[in-house]
Amino acid sequence: MGLRLSFFSTPQHRVFNYRPRYYDPHKERLEQLYEKYGKTPEGKLKAEAEAREEGITPNKRYVPGESIRGSFQRSIEENRATAGNPKVKTLLTLITIAAAFIVVYYLAEGFMKILR
């Protein structure tokens, strides 16, 4: 047995032992059974309960692409309804363009006076 010099001490091995304070094995077993068979404690199927919460009727048949079909057209119609008057937008665009031309004209004149 040799003498080991060490500048740092190594910690002793510790065991983590967690015991819950309140544990009900019967309740745990019931939850596992509900999860296994896909039911809620009221006896309803879990998928039906989740569908009702989301507002989907469980008897409705799934049609692929049903939620996508026409969504682009619906969004355009919704934007048109909330966008306001297109004549006002056109008028504001023309006024903005005219103001930009005026600003560019006066800036160009100012630079020409500076350069002379």
PDB file of N, CA and C in Angstrom:
ATOM      1  N   MET A   1       0.824  -1.170   0.000  1.00  0.00           N
ATOM      2  CA  MET A   1       0.000   0.000   0.000  1.00  0.00           C
ATOM      3  C   MET A   1       0.869   1.234   0.000  1.00  0.00           C
ATOM      4  N   GLY A   2       0.688   2.018  -1.064  1.00  0.00           N
ATOM      5  CA  GLY A   2       1.505   3.203  -1.155  1.00  0.00           C
ATOM      6  C   GLY A   2       0.778   4.421  -0.611  1.00  0.00           C
ATOM      7  N   LEU A   3       1.568   5.399  -0.327  1.00  0.00           N
ATOM      8  CA  LEU A   3       1.023   6.644   0.194  1.00  0.00           C
ATOM      9  C   LEU A   3       0.596   7.509  -0.979  1.00  0.00           C
ATOM     10  N   ARG A   4      -0.655   7.961  -0.991  1.00  0.00           N
ATOM     11  CA  ARG A   4      -1.158   8.795  -2.087  1.00  0.00           C
ATOM     12  C   ARG A   4      -1.260  10.222  -1.601  1.00  0.00           C
ATOM     13  N   LEU A   5      -0.570  11.102  -2.300  1.00  0.00           N
ATOM     14  CA  LEU A   5      -0.683  12.521  -1.999  1.00  0.00           C
ATOM     15  C   LEU A   5      -1.749  13.120  -2.908  1.00  0.00           C
ATOM     16  N   SER A   6      -2.613  13.921  -2.343  1.00  0.00           N
ATOM     17  CA  SER A   6      -3.666  14.530  -3.136  1.00  0.00           C
ATOM     18  C   SER A   6      -3.912  15.936  -2.609  1.00  0.00           C
ATOM     19  N   PHE A   7      -4.013  16.891  -3.540  1.00  0.00           N
ATOM     20  CA  PHE A   7      -4.304  18.262  -3.137  1.00  0.00           C
ATOM     21  C   PHE A   7      -5.806  18.479  -2.942  1.00  0.00           C
ATOM     22  N   PHE A   8      -6.602  17.654  -3.609  1.00  0.00           N
ATOM     23  CA  PHE A   8      -8.061  17.773  -3.510  1.00  0.00           C
ATOM     24  C   PHE A   8      -8.624  16.481  -2.960  1.00  0.00           C
ATOM     25  N   SER A   9      -9.583  16.609  -2.073  1.00  0.00           N
ATOM     26  CA  SER A   9     -10.191  15.399  -1.524  1.00  0.00           C
ATOM     27  C   SER A   9     -11.343  14.958  -2.429  1.00  0.00           C
ATOM     28  N   THR A  10     -11.459  13.676  -2.621  1.00  0.00           N
ATOM     29  CA  THR A  10     -12.547  13.157  -3.442  1.00  0.00           C
ATOM     30  C   THR A  10     -13.736  12.865  -2.536  1.00  0.00           C
ATOM     31  N   PRO A  11     -14.931  13.274  -2.961  1.00  0.00           N
ATOM     32  CA  PRO A  11     -16.099  13.072  -2.104  1.00  0.00           C
ATOM     33  C   PRO A  11     -16.502  11.600  -2.033  1.00  0.00           C
ATOM     34  N   GLN A  12     -17.143  11.255  -0.950  1.00  0.00           N
ATOM     35  CA  GLN A  12     -17.621   9.899  -0.777  1.00  0.00           C
ATOM     36  C   GLN A  12     -18.840   9.676  -1.665  1.00  0.00           C
ATOM     37  N   HIS A  13     -19.087   8.436  -2.014  1.00  0.00           N
ATOM     38  CA  HIS A  13     -20.233   8.088  -2.850  1.00  0.00           C
ATOM     39  C   HIS A  13     -21.518   8.320  -2.064  1.00  0.00           C
ATOM     40  N   ARG A  14     -22.462   9.064  -2.702  1.00  0.00           N
ATOM     41  CA  ARG A  14     -23.737   9.328  -2.050  1.00  0.00           C
ATOM     42  C   ARG A  14     -24.854   8.658  -2.837  1.00  0.00           C
ATOM     43  N   VAL A  15     -25.833   8.178  -2.132  1.00  0.00           N
ATOM     44  CA  VAL A  15     -26.960   7.492  -2.751  1.00  0.00           C
ATOM     45  C   VAL A  15     -28.183   8.403  -2.645  1.00  0.00           C
ATOM     46  N   PHE A  16     -28.871   8.555  -3.766  1.00  0.00           N
ATOM     47  CA  PHE A  16     -30.083   9.360  -3.783  1.00  0.00           C
ATOM     48  C   PHE A  16     -31.258   8.432  -3.572  1.00  0.00           C
ATOM     49  N   ASN A  17     -31.986   8.656  -2.508  1.00  0.00           N
ATOM     50  CA  ASN A  17     -33.124   7.813  -2.197  1.00  0.00           C
ATOM     51  C   ASN A  17     -34.338   8.719  -1.995  1.00  0.00           C
ATOM     52  N   TYR A  18     -35.222   8.764  -3.003  1.00  0.00           N
ATOM     53  CA  TYR A  18     -36.398   9.621  -2.952  1.00  0.00           C
ATOM     54  C   TYR A  18     -37.633   8.775  -2.671  1.00  0.00           C
ATOM     55  N   ARG A  19     -38.321   9.118  -1.627  1.00  0.00           N
ATOM     56  CA  ARG A  19     -39.589   8.471  -1.329  1.00  0.00           C
ATOM     57  C   ARG A  19     -40.648   9.563  -1.236  1.00  0.00           C
ATOM     58  N   PRO A  20     -41.675   9.488  -2.083  1.00  0.00           N
ATOM     59  CA  PRO A  20     -42.717  10.514  -2.017  1.00  0.00           C
ATOM     60  C   PRO A  20     -43.457  10.463  -0.683  1.00  0.00           C
ATOM     61  N   ARG A  21     -43.853  11.622  -0.203  1.00  0.00           N
ATOM     62  CA  ARG A  21     -44.544  11.674   1.073  1.00  0.00           C
ATOM     63  C   ARG A  21     -45.924  11.058   0.993  1.00  0.00           C
ATOM     64  N   TYR A  22     -46.656  11.451  -0.043  1.00  0.00           N
ATOM     65  CA  TYR A  22     -48.024  10.974  -0.199  1.00  0.00           C
ATOM     66  C   TYR A  22     -48.087  10.140  -1.467  1.00  0.00           C
ATOM     67  N   TYR A  23     -48.156   8.852  -1.332  1.00  0.00           N
ATOM     68  CA  TYR A  23     -48.186   7.960  -2.482  1.00  0.00           C
ATOM     69  C   TYR A  23     -49.371   7.023  -2.323  1.00  0.00           C
ATOM     70  N   ASP A  24     -50.205   7.004  -3.327  1.00  0.00           N
ATOM     71  CA  ASP A  24     -51.377   6.139  -3.305  1.00  0.00           C
ATOM     72  C   ASP A  24     -51.228   5.137  -4.439  1.00  0.00           C
ATOM     73  N   PRO A  25     -50.840   3.902  -4.147  1.00  0.00           N
ATOM     74  CA  PRO A  25     -50.624   2.913  -5.206  1.00  0.00           C
ATOM     75  C   PRO A  25     -51.919   2.602  -5.969  1.00  0.00           C
ATOM     76  N   HIS A  26     -53.065   2.647  -5.288  1.00  0.00           N
ATOM     77  CA  HIS A  26     -54.341   2.386  -5.960  1.00  0.00           C
ATOM     78  C   HIS A  26     -54.619   3.459  -7.014  1.00  0.00           C
ATOM     79  N   LYS A  27     -54.404   4.718  -6.662  1.00  0.00           N
ATOM     80  CA  LYS A  27     -54.626   5.821  -7.608  1.00  0.00           C
ATOM     81  C   LYS A  27     -53.649   5.719  -8.781  1.00  0.00           C
ATOM     82  N   GLU A  28     -52.416   5.372  -8.495  1.00  0.00           N
ATOM     83  CA  GLU A  28     -51.404   5.215  -9.548  1.00  0.00           C
ATOM     84  C   GLU A  28     -51.806   4.100 -10.521  1.00  0.00           C
ATOM     85  N   ARG A  29     -52.307   2.988  -9.986  1.00  0.00           N
ATOM     86  CA  ARG A  29     -52.730   1.872 -10.827  1.00  0.00           C
ATOM     87  C   ARG A  29     -53.929   2.267 -11.696  1.00  0.00           C
ATOM     88  N   LEU A  30     -54.895   3.018 -11.132  1.00  0.00           N
ATOM     89  CA  LEU A  30     -56.049   3.480 -11.901  1.00  0.00           C
ATOM     90  C   LEU A  30     -55.621   4.388 -13.047  1.00  0.00           C
ATOM     91  N   GLU A  31     -54.696   5.295 -12.778  1.00  0.00           N
ATOM     92  CA  GLU A  31     -54.215   6.199 -13.826  1.00  0.00           C
ATOM     93  C   GLU A  31     -53.539   5.422 -14.953  1.00  0.00           C
ATOM     94  N   GLN A  32     -52.783   4.393 -14.592  1.00  0.00           N
ATOM     95  CA  GLN A  32     -52.145   3.564 -15.614  1.00  0.00           C
ATOM     96  C   GLN A  32     -53.177   2.826 -16.455  1.00  0.00           C
ATOM     97  N   LEU A  33     -54.225   2.337 -15.827  1.00  0.00           N
ATOM     98  CA  LEU A  33     -55.272   1.632 -16.570  1.00  0.00           C
ATOM     99  C   LEU A  33     -56.036   2.579 -17.491  1.00  0.00           C
ATOM    100  N   TYR A  34     -56.342   3.783 -17.005  1.00  0.00           N
ATOM    101  CA  TYR A  34     -57.021   4.770 -17.846  1.00  0.00           C
ATOM    102  C   TYR A  34     -56.159   5.111 -19.059  1.00  0.00           C
ATOM    103  N   GLU A  35     -54.875   5.264 -18.826  1.00  0.00           N
ATOM    104  CA  GLU A  35     -53.953   5.588 -19.910  1.00  0.00           C
ATOM    105  C   GLU A  35     -53.844   4.424 -20.896  1.00  0.00           C
ATOM    106  N   LYS A  36     -53.822   3.206 -20.365  1.00  0.00           N
ATOM    107  CA  LYS A  36     -53.672   2.023 -21.210  1.00  0.00           C
ATOM    108  C   LYS A  36     -54.866   1.844 -22.140  1.00  0.00           C
ATOM    109  N   TYR A  37     -56.069   2.049 -21.623  1.00  0.00           N
ATOM    110  CA  TYR A  37     -57.268   1.818 -22.424  1.00  0.00           C
ATOM    111  C   TYR A  37     -57.825   3.093 -23.051  1.00  0.00           C
ATOM    112  N   GLY A  38     -57.172   4.228 -22.861  1.00  0.00           N
ATOM    113  CA  GLY A  38     -57.556   5.466 -23.529  1.00  0.00           C
ATOM    114  C   GLY A  38     -58.893   6.021 -23.084  1.00  0.00           C
ATOM    115  N   LYS A  39     -59.175   5.932 -21.803  1.00  0.00           N
ATOM    116  CA  LYS A  39     -60.435   6.465 -21.300  1.00  0.00           C
ATOM    117  C   LYS A  39     -60.174   7.486 -20.200  1.00  0.00           C
ATOM    118  N   THR A  40     -61.201   8.283 -19.939  1.00  0.00           N
ATOM    119  CA  THR A  40     -61.141   9.237 -18.839  1.00  0.00           C
ATOM    120  C   THR A  40     -61.775   8.595 -17.613  1.00  0.00           C
ATOM    121  N   PRO A  41     -61.593   9.161 -16.418  1.00  0.00           N
ATOM    122  CA  PRO A  41     -62.217   8.566 -15.229  1.00  0.00           C
ATOM    123  C   PRO A  41     -63.745   8.505 -15.308  1.00  0.00           C
ATOM    124  N   GLU A  42     -64.363   9.345 -16.156  1.00  0.00           N
ATOM    125  CA  GLU A  42     -65.817   9.307 -16.301  1.00  0.00           C
ATOM    126  C   GLU A  42     -66.262   8.159 -17.203  1.00  0.00           C
ATOM    127  N   GLY A  43     -65.331   7.472 -17.850  1.00  0.00           N
ATOM    128  CA  GLY A  43     -65.662   6.347 -18.706  1.00  0.00           C
ATOM    129  C   GLY A  43     -65.733   6.695 -20.176  1.00  0.00           C
ATOM    130  N   LYS A  44     -65.522   7.960 -20.525  1.00  0.00           N
ATOM    131  CA  LYS A  44     -65.576   8.362 -21.937  1.00  0.00           C
ATOM    132  C   LYS A  44     -64.211   8.105 -22.575  1.00  0.00           C
ATOM    133  N   LEU A  45     -64.232   7.937 -23.874  1.00  0.00           N
ATOM    134  CA  LEU A  45     -62.961   7.773 -24.572  1.00  0.00           C
ATOM    135  C   LEU A  45     -62.196   9.084 -24.560  1.00  0.00           C
ATOM    136  N   LYS A  46     -60.900   8.987 -24.367  1.00  0.00           N
ATOM    137  CA  LYS A  46     -60.062  10.181 -24.255  1.00  0.00           C
ATOM    138  C   LYS A  46     -60.054  10.983 -25.547  1.00  0.00           C
ATOM    139  N   ALA A  47     -60.043  10.319 -26.691  1.00  0.00           N
ATOM    140  CA  ALA A  47     -60.024  11.019 -27.976  1.00  0.00           C
ATOM    141  C   ALA A  47     -61.307  11.822 -28.171  1.00  0.00           C
ATOM    142  N   GLU A  48     -62.451  11.257 -27.760  1.00  0.00           N
ATOM    143  CA  GLU A  48     -63.710  11.991 -27.879  1.00  0.00           C
ATOM    144  C   GLU A  48     -63.726  13.206 -26.963  1.00  0.00           C
ATOM    145  N   ALA A  49     -63.215  13.060 -25.751  1.00  0.00           N
ATOM    146  CA  ALA A  49     -63.196  14.178 -24.814  1.00  0.00           C
ATOM    147  C   ALA A  49     -62.303  15.311 -25.329  1.00  0.00           C
ATOM    148  N   GLU A  50     -61.140  14.953 -25.875  1.00  0.00           N
ATOM    149  CA  GLU A  50     -60.237  15.970 -26.418  1.00  0.00           C
ATOM    150  C   GLU A  50     -60.851  16.646 -27.636  1.00  0.00           C
ATOM    151  N   ALA A  51     -61.558  15.881 -28.461  1.00  0.00           N
ATOM    152  CA  ALA A  51     -62.195  16.452 -29.652  1.00  0.00           C
ATOM    153  C   ALA A  51     -63.296  17.416 -29.254  1.00  0.00           C
ATOM    154  N   ARG A  52     -64.057  17.086 -28.235  1.00  0.00           N
ATOM    155  CA  ARG A  52     -65.123  17.989 -27.773  1.00  0.00           C
ATOM    156  C   ARG A  52     -64.539  19.275 -27.206  1.00  0.00           C
ATOM    157  N   GLU A  53     -63.413  19.182 -26.506  1.00  0.00           N
ATOM    158  CA  GLU A  53     -62.767  20.382 -25.973  1.00  0.00           C
ATOM    159  C   GLU A  53     -62.309  21.304 -27.096  1.00  0.00           C
ATOM    160  N   GLU A  54     -61.864  20.723 -28.220  1.00  0.00           N
ATOM    161  CA  GLU A  54     -61.407  21.518 -29.355  1.00  0.00           C
ATOM    162  C   GLU A  54     -62.556  21.947 -30.254  1.00  0.00           C
ATOM    163  N   GLY A  55     -63.776  21.478 -29.971  1.00  0.00           N
ATOM    164  CA  GLY A  55     -64.923  21.871 -30.767  1.00  0.00           C
ATOM    165  C   GLY A  55     -65.126  21.033 -32.006  1.00  0.00           C
ATOM    166  N   ILE A  56     -64.535  19.862 -32.056  1.00  0.00           N
ATOM    167  CA  ILE A  56     -64.659  18.973 -33.204  1.00  0.00           C
ATOM    168  C   ILE A  56     -65.642  17.867 -32.822  1.00  0.00           C
ATOM    169  N   THR A  57     -66.591  17.601 -33.682  1.00  0.00           N
ATOM    170  CA  THR A  57     -67.502  16.495 -33.410  1.00  0.00           C
ATOM    171  C   THR A  57     -66.803  15.195 -33.768  1.00  0.00           C
ATOM    172  N   PRO A  58     -66.861  14.200 -32.885  1.00  0.00           N
ATOM    173  CA  PRO A  58     -66.123  12.960 -33.143  1.00  0.00           C
ATOM    174  C   PRO A  58     -66.686  12.150 -34.302  1.00  0.00           C
ATOM    175  N   ASN A  59     -67.956  12.341 -34.662  1.00  0.00           N
ATOM    176  CA  ASN A  59     -68.556  11.557 -35.747  1.00  0.00           C
ATOM    177  C   ASN A  59     -68.232  12.130 -37.115  1.00  0.00           C
ATOM    178  N   LYS A  60     -67.670  13.340 -37.173  1.00  0.00           N
ATOM    179  CA  LYS A  60     -67.360  13.960 -38.451  1.00  0.00           C
ATOM    180  C   LYS A  60     -66.211  13.203 -39.112  1.00  0.00           C
ATOM    181  N   ARG A  61     -66.373  12.896 -40.373  1.00  0.00           N
ATOM    182  CA  ARG A  61     -65.370  12.131 -41.104  1.00  0.00           C
ATOM    183  C   ARG A  61     -64.252  13.052 -41.581  1.00  0.00           C
ATOM    184  N   TYR A  62     -63.029  12.603 -41.471  1.00  0.00           N
ATOM    185  CA  TYR A  62     -61.870  13.385 -41.880  1.00  0.00           C
ATOM    186  C   TYR A  62     -61.744  13.357 -43.402  1.00  0.00           C
ATOM    187  N   VAL A  63     -61.597  14.542 -43.981  1.00  0.00           N
ATOM    188  CA  VAL A  63     -61.372  14.662 -45.416  1.00  0.00           C
ATOM    189  C   VAL A  63     -60.021  15.336 -45.599  1.00  0.00           C
ATOM    190  N   PRO A  64     -59.045  14.672 -46.221  1.00  0.00           N
ATOM    191  CA  PRO A  64     -57.725  15.275 -46.391  1.00  0.00           C
ATOM    192  C   PRO A  64     -57.807  16.566 -47.186  1.00  0.00           C
ATOM    193  N   GLY A  65     -57.147  17.608 -46.684  1.00  0.00           N
ATOM    194  CA  GLY A  65     -57.079  18.886 -47.383  1.00  0.00           C
ATOM    195  C   GLY A  65     -58.297  19.760 -47.191  1.00  0.00           C
ATOM    196  N   GLU A  66     -59.255  19.328 -46.368  1.00  0.00           N
ATOM    197  CA  GLU A  66     -60.485  20.101 -46.190  1.00  0.00           C
ATOM    198  C   GLU A  66     -60.216  21.462 -45.553  1.00  0.00           C
ATOM    199  N   SER A  67     -59.311  21.503 -44.583  1.00  0.00           N
ATOM    200  CA  SER A  67     -59.033  22.776 -43.924  1.00  0.00           C
ATOM    201  C   SER A  67     -58.154  23.670 -44.794  1.00  0.00           C
ATOM    202  N   ILE A  68     -57.443  23.106 -45.752  1.00  0.00           N
ATOM    203  CA  ILE A  68     -56.561  23.888 -46.609  1.00  0.00           C
ATOM    204  C   ILE A  68     -57.307  24.424 -47.818  1.00  0.00           C
ATOM    205  N   ARG A  69     -58.216  23.609 -48.363  1.00  0.00           N
ATOM    206  CA  ARG A  69     -58.919  23.950 -49.589  1.00  0.00           C
ATOM    207  C   ARG A  69     -59.675  25.264 -49.413  1.00  0.00           C
ATOM    208  N   GLY A  70     -59.330  26.261 -50.231  1.00  0.00           N
ATOM    209  CA  GLY A  70     -60.017  27.548 -50.210  1.00  0.00           C
ATOM    210  C   GLY A  70     -59.506  28.512 -49.160  1.00  0.00           C
ATOM    211  N   SER A  71     -58.494  28.127 -48.393  1.00  0.00           N
ATOM    212  CA  SER A  71     -58.023  28.999 -47.320  1.00  0.00           C
ATOM    213  C   SER A  71     -57.350  30.251 -47.873  1.00  0.00           C
ATOM    214  N   PHE A  72     -56.681  30.132 -49.019  1.00  0.00           N
ATOM    215  CA  PHE A  72     -56.026  31.293 -49.612  1.00  0.00           C
ATOM    216  C   PHE A  72     -57.074  32.320 -50.045  1.00  0.00           C
ATOM    217  N   GLN A  73     -58.124  31.850 -50.687  1.00  0.00           N
ATOM    218  CA  GLN A  73     -59.192  32.747 -51.141  1.00  0.00           C
ATOM    219  C   GLN A  73     -59.901  33.382 -49.943  1.00  0.00           C
ATOM    220  N   ARG A  74     -60.134  32.593 -48.881  1.00  0.00           N
ATOM    221  CA  ARG A  74     -60.777  33.144 -47.683  1.00  0.00           C
ATOM    222  C   ARG A  74     -59.927  34.235 -47.057  1.00  0.00           C
ATOM    223  N   SER A  75     -58.608  34.041 -47.014  1.00  0.00           N
ATOM    224  CA  SER A  75     -57.742  35.051 -46.403  1.00  0.00           C
ATOM    225  C   SER A  75     -57.734  36.336 -47.224  1.00  0.00           C
ATOM    226  N   ILE A  76     -57.793  36.226 -48.554  1.00  0.00           N
ATOM    227  CA  ILE A  76     -57.852  37.424 -49.398  1.00  0.00           C
ATOM    228  C   ILE A  76     -59.148  38.174 -49.134  1.00  0.00           C
ATOM    229  N   GLU A  77     -60.260  37.457 -49.042  1.00  0.00           N
ATOM    230  CA  GLU A  77     -61.545  38.101 -48.781  1.00  0.00           C
ATOM    231  C   GLU A  77     -61.568  38.766 -47.416  1.00  0.00           C
ATOM    232  N   GLU A  78     -60.974  38.118 -46.402  1.00  0.00           N
ATOM    233  CA  GLU A  78     -60.926  38.711 -45.069  1.00  0.00           C
ATOM    234  C   GLU A  78     -60.080  39.978 -45.069  1.00  0.00           C
ATOM    235  N   ASN A  79     -58.954  39.958 -45.790  1.00  0.00           N
ATOM    236  CA  ASN A  79     -58.099  41.143 -45.860  1.00  0.00           C
ATOM    237  C   ASN A  79     -58.808  42.286 -46.563  1.00  0.00           C
ATOM    238  N   ARG A  80     -59.552  41.988 -47.607  1.00  0.00           N
ATOM    239  CA  ARG A  80     -60.291  43.032 -48.308  1.00  0.00           C
ATOM    240  C   ARG A  80     -61.355  43.635 -47.410  1.00  0.00           C
ATOM    241  N   ALA A  81     -61.982  42.810 -46.603  1.00  0.00           N
ATOM    242  CA  ALA A  81     -63.047  43.295 -45.734  1.00  0.00           C
ATOM    243  C   ALA A  81     -62.501  44.214 -44.645  1.00  0.00           C
ATOM    244  N   THR A  82     -61.299  43.948 -44.166  1.00  0.00           N
ATOM    245  CA  THR A  82     -60.744  44.742 -43.074  1.00  0.00           C
ATOM    246  C   THR A  82     -59.781  45.821 -43.553  1.00  0.00           C
ATOM    247  N   ALA A  83     -59.476  45.850 -44.837  1.00  0.00           N
ATOM    248  CA  ALA A  83     -58.449  46.761 -45.339  1.00  0.00           C
ATOM    249  C   ALA A  83     -58.913  48.206 -45.423  1.00  0.00           C
ATOM    250  N   GLY A  84     -60.163  48.474 -45.645  1.00  0.00           N
ATOM    251  CA  GLY A  84     -60.637  49.841 -45.785  1.00  0.00           C
ATOM    252  C   GLY A  84     -60.914  50.168 -47.241  1.00  0.00           C
ATOM    253  N   ASN A  85     -61.047  51.465 -47.520  1.00  0.00           N
ATOM    254  CA  ASN A  85     -61.415  51.922 -48.849  1.00  0.00           C
ATOM    255  C   ASN A  85     -60.199  51.934 -49.770  1.00  0.00           C
ATOM    256  N   PRO A  86     -60.246  51.247 -50.913  1.00  0.00           N
ATOM    257  CA  PRO A  86     -59.092  51.226 -51.821  1.00  0.00           C
ATOM    258  C   PRO A  86     -58.843  52.583 -52.482  1.00  0.00           C
ATOM    259  N   LYS A  87     -59.872  53.418 -52.622  1.00  0.00           N
ATOM    260  CA  LYS A  87     -59.685  54.747 -53.223  1.00  0.00           C
ATOM    261  C   LYS A  87     -58.829  55.624 -52.321  1.00  0.00           C
ATOM    262  N   VAL A  88     -59.035  55.511 -51.031  1.00  0.00           N
ATOM    263  CA  VAL A  88     -58.235  56.294 -50.077  1.00  0.00           C
ATOM    264  C   VAL A  88     -56.782  55.833 -50.127  1.00  0.00           C
ATOM    265  N   LYS A  89     -56.564  54.536 -50.215  1.00  0.00           N
ATOM    266  CA  LYS A  89     -55.190  54.020 -50.301  1.00  0.00           C
ATOM    267  C   LYS A  89     -54.495  54.528 -51.560  1.00  0.00           C
ATOM    268  N   THR A  90     -55.209  54.534 -52.687  1.00  0.00           N
ATOM    269  CA  THR A  90     -54.636  55.004 -53.951  1.00  0.00           C
ATOM    270  C   THR A  90     -54.280  56.476 -53.849  1.00  0.00           C
ATOM    271  N   LEU A  91     -55.173  57.270 -53.271  1.00  0.00           N
ATOM    272  CA  LEU A  91     -54.928  58.705 -53.114  1.00  0.00           C
ATOM    273  C   LEU A  91     -53.713  58.953 -52.217  1.00  0.00           C
ATOM    274  N   LEU A  92     -53.617  58.239 -51.097  1.00  0.00           N
ATOM    275  CA  LEU A  92     -52.467  58.399 -50.203  1.00  0.00           C
ATOM    276  C   LEU A  92     -51.166  57.993 -50.886  1.00  0.00           C
ATOM    277  N   THR A  93     -51.202  56.952 -51.706  1.00  0.00           N
ATOM    278  CA  THR A  93     -50.002  56.527 -52.435  1.00  0.00           C
ATOM    279  C   THR A  93     -49.552  57.600 -53.414  1.00  0.00           C
ATOM    280  N   LEU A  94     -50.490  58.192 -54.144  1.00  0.00           N
ATOM    281  CA  LEU A  94     -50.146  59.252 -55.105  1.00  0.00           C
ATOM    282  C   LEU A  94     -49.592  60.486 -54.400  1.00  0.00           C
ATOM    283  N   ILE A  95     -50.187  60.880 -53.281  1.00  0.00           N
ATOM    284  CA  ILE A  95     -49.690  62.032 -52.521  1.00  0.00           C
ATOM    285  C   ILE A  95     -48.275  61.761 -52.018  1.00  0.00           C
ATOM    286  N   THR A  96     -48.012  60.550 -51.550  1.00  0.00           N
ATOM    287  CA  THR A  96     -46.679  60.195 -51.053  1.00  0.00           C
ATOM    288  C   THR A  96     -45.646  60.248 -52.176  1.00  0.00           C
ATOM    289  N   ILE A  97     -45.994  59.751 -53.343  1.00  0.00           N
ATOM    290  CA  ILE A  97     -45.065  59.779 -54.484  1.00  0.00           C
ATOM    291  C   ILE A  97     -44.786  61.217 -54.904  1.00  0.00           C
ATOM    292  N   ALA A  98     -45.827  62.055 -54.941  1.00  0.00           N
ATOM    293  CA  ALA A  98     -45.639  63.464 -55.311  1.00  0.00           C
ATOM    294  C   ALA A  98     -44.743  64.175 -54.299  1.00  0.00           C
ATOM    295  N   ALA A  99     -44.960  63.903 -53.006  1.00  0.00           N
ATOM    296  CA  ALA A  99     -44.131  64.524 -51.969  1.00  0.00           C
ATOM    297  C   ALA A  99     -42.681  64.063 -52.103  1.00  0.00           C
ATOM    298  N   ALA A 100     -42.460  62.802 -52.443  1.00  0.00           N
ATOM    299  CA  ALA A 100     -41.094  62.306 -52.619  1.00  0.00           C
ATOM    300  C   ALA A 100     -40.410  63.008 -53.789  1.00  0.00           C
ATOM    301  N   PHE A 101     -41.139  63.224 -54.901  1.00  0.00           N
ATOM    302  CA  PHE A 101     -40.555  63.941 -56.040  1.00  0.00           C
ATOM    303  C   PHE A 101     -40.199  65.375 -55.661  1.00  0.00           C
ATOM    304  N   ILE A 102     -41.048  66.035 -54.888  1.00  0.00           N
ATOM    305  CA  ILE A 102     -40.768  67.420 -54.475  1.00  0.00           C
ATOM    306  C   ILE A 102     -39.519  67.470 -53.605  1.00  0.00           C
ATOM    307  N   VAL A 103     -39.403  66.531 -52.671  1.00  0.00           N
ATOM    308  CA  VAL A 103     -38.236  66.508 -51.796  1.00  0.00           C
ATOM    309  C   VAL A 103     -36.968  66.260 -52.608  1.00  0.00           C
ATOM    310  N   VAL A 104     -37.000  65.343 -53.548  1.00  0.00           N
ATOM    311  CA  VAL A 104     -35.832  65.043 -54.387  1.00  0.00           C
ATOM    312  C   VAL A 104     -35.462  66.265 -55.222  1.00  0.00           C
ATOM    313  N   TYR A 105     -36.446  66.971 -55.767  1.00  0.00           N
ATOM    314  CA  TYR A 105     -36.200  68.159 -56.584  1.00  0.00           C
ATOM    315  C   TYR A 105     -35.470  69.233 -55.766  1.00  0.00           C
ATOM    316  N   TYR A 106     -35.989  69.531 -54.555  1.00  0.00           N
ATOM    317  CA  TYR A 106     -35.354  70.566 -53.740  1.00  0.00           C
ATOM    318  C   TYR A 106     -33.974  70.135 -53.234  1.00  0.00           C
ATOM    319  N   LEU A 107     -33.784  68.863 -52.957  1.00  0.00           N
ATOM    320  CA  LEU A 107     -32.457  68.401 -52.558  1.00  0.00           C
ATOM    321  C   LEU A 107     -31.463  68.531 -53.708  1.00  0.00           C
ATOM    322  N   ALA A 108     -31.905  68.213 -54.911  1.00  0.00           N
ATOM    323  CA  ALA A 108     -31.029  68.342 -56.077  1.00  0.00           C
ATOM    324  C   ALA A 108     -30.669  69.804 -56.308  1.00  0.00           C
ATOM    325  N   GLU A 109     -31.632  70.716 -56.177  1.00  0.00           N
ATOM    326  CA  GLU A 109     -31.342  72.157 -56.341  1.00  0.00           C
ATOM    327  C   GLU A 109     -30.354  72.630 -55.289  1.00  0.00           C
ATOM    328  N   GLY A 110     -30.521  72.160 -54.055  1.00  0.00           N
ATOM    329  CA  GLY A 110     -29.616  72.556 -52.981  1.00  0.00           C
ATOM    330  C   GLY A 110     -28.197  72.071 -53.240  1.00  0.00           C
ATOM    331  N   PHE A 111     -28.053  70.839 -53.708  1.00  0.00           N
ATOM    332  CA  PHE A 111     -26.726  70.318 -54.012  1.00  0.00           C
ATOM    333  C   PHE A 111     -26.093  71.068 -55.184  1.00  0.00           C
ATOM    334  N   MET A 112     -26.906  71.467 -56.145  1.00  0.00           N
ATOM    335  CA  MET A 112     -26.381  72.222 -57.298  1.00  0.00           C
ATOM    336  C   MET A 112     -25.850  73.572 -56.842  1.00  0.00           C
ATOM    337  N   LYS A 113     -26.525  74.230 -55.893  1.00  0.00           N
ATOM    338  CA  LYS A 113     -26.054  75.529 -55.374  1.00  0.00           C
ATOM    339  C   LYS A 113     -24.757  75.342 -54.586  1.00  0.00           C
ATOM    340  N   ILE A 114     -24.646  74.249 -53.880  1.00  0.00           N
ATOM    341  CA  ILE A 114     -23.431  73.990 -53.088  1.00  0.00           C
ATOM    342  C   ILE A 114     -22.239  73.756 -54.018  1.00  0.00           C
ATOM    343  N   LEU A 115     -22.448  73.031 -55.113  1.00  0.00           N
ATOM    344  CA  LEU A 115     -21.373  72.680 -56.012  1.00  0.00           C
ATOM    345  C   LEU A 115     -20.930  73.860 -56.877  1.00  0.00           C
ATOM    346  N   ARG A 116     -21.711  74.893 -57.071  1.00  0.00           N
ATOM    347  CA  ARG A 116     -21.321  76.050 -57.907  1.00  0.00           C
ATOM    348  C   ARG A 116     -20.400  76.966 -57.205  1.00  0.00           C
TER     349      ARG A 116
END
